[in-house]
């Protein structure tokens, strides 16, 4: 037979385990959100890098098409 003091200690131990498990679960959810955000940020950074690296080519092509469309004669 257990005493009320032992039962309280057991309940406290169970409560502590539940709180620890809930905390661990919350941290895993937060980590998932942070990882998703970091992946999205990395993708944006990579896209910006590509635009900065090759954007001048696109601008040059757009300018050449505009010149062609306006029938400008180049000397």
Protein backbone atom coordinates (compact mmCIF):
# COMPACT_ATOMS: atom_id res chain seq x y z
CA UNK A 1 0.00 0.00 0.00
CA UNK A 2 1.27 3.44 -0.89
CA UNK A 3 1.07 6.44 1.34
CA UNK A 4 -0.45 9.74 0.19
CA UNK A 5 3.03 11.24 0.20
CA UNK A 6 4.28 8.54 -2.22
CA UNK A 7 1.24 9.05 -4.43
CA UNK A 8 1.89 12.82 -4.54
CA UNK A 9 5.54 12.20 -5.42
CA UNK A 10 4.49 9.80 -8.18
CA UNK A 11 1.94 12.29 -9.53
CA UNK A 12 4.58 15.03 -9.48
CA UNK A 13 7.00 12.78 -11.36
CA UNK A 14 4.32 11.99 -13.95
CA UNK A 15 3.42 15.68 -14.27
CA UNK A 16 7.07 16.57 -14.75
CA UNK A 17 7.40 13.94 -17.48
CA UNK A 18 4.28 15.28 -19.22
CA UNK A 19 5.59 18.86 -19.09
CA UNK A 20 8.99 17.74 -20.39
CA UNK A 21 7.36 15.82 -23.25
CA UNK A 22 5.14 18.79 -24.13
CA UNK A 23 8.16 21.08 -24.07
CA UNK A 24 10.14 18.75 -26.32
CA UNK A 25 7.22 18.52 -28.74
CA UNK A 26 6.87 22.32 -28.83
CA UNK A 27 10.61 22.72 -29.48
CA UNK A 28 10.41 20.25 -32.37
CA UNK A 29 7.51 22.19 -33.89
CA UNK A 30 9.39 25.46 -33.51
CA UNK A 31 12.50 23.91 -35.07
CA UNK A 32 10.41 22.76 -38.06
CA UNK A 33 9.05 26.27 -38.55
CA UNK A 34 12.53 27.79 -38.29
CA UNK A 35 13.98 25.24 -40.74
CA UNK A 36 11.20 25.98 -43.23
CA UNK A 37 11.84 29.71 -42.91
CA UNK A 38 15.59 29.24 -43.36
CA UNK A 39 15.05 27.10 -46.46
CA UNK A 40 12.78 29.74 -47.96
CA UNK A 41 15.30 32.45 -47.15
CA UNK A 42 18.12 30.44 -48.72
CA UNK A 43 16.03 29.95 -51.87
CA UNK A 44 15.39 33.68 -52.10
CA UNK A 45 19.07 34.45 -51.61
CA UNK A 46 20.00 31.99 -54.36
CA UNK A 47 17.42 33.49 -56.72
CA UNK A 48 18.67 37.00 -56.00
CA UNK A 49 22.24 35.84 -56.63
CA UNK A 50 21.24 34.42 -60.02
CA UNK A 51 19.41 37.62 -60.96
CA UNK A 52 22.37 39.75 -59.98
CA UNK A 53 24.80 37.49 -61.79
CA UNK A 54 22.88 37.06 -65.05
CA UNK A 55 20.43 39.98 -64.94
CA UNK A 56 22.65 42.17 -67.11
CA UNK A 57 22.27 39.64 -69.93
CA UNK A 58 18.49 39.85 -69.69
CA UNK A 59 18.64 43.66 -69.69
CA UNK A 60 20.90 43.63 -72.73
CA UNK A 61 18.54 41.29 -74.59
CA UNK A 62 15.55 43.43 -73.64
CA UNK A 63 17.35 46.55 -74.91
CA UNK A 64 18.24 44.81 -78.18
CA UNK A 65 14.64 43.68 -78.67
CA UNK A 66 13.43 47.20 -77.98
CA UNK A 67 15.88 48.61 -80.53
CA UNK A 68 14.75 46.00 -83.02
CA UNK A 69 11.08 46.69 -82.31
CA UNK A 70 11.51 50.46 -82.75
CA UNK A 71 13.48 49.93 -85.99
CA UNK A 72 16.41 51.98 -84.79
CA UNK A 73 19.32 51.90 -87.23
CA UNK A 74 22.62 51.30 -85.53
CA UNK A 75 25.58 52.92 -87.28
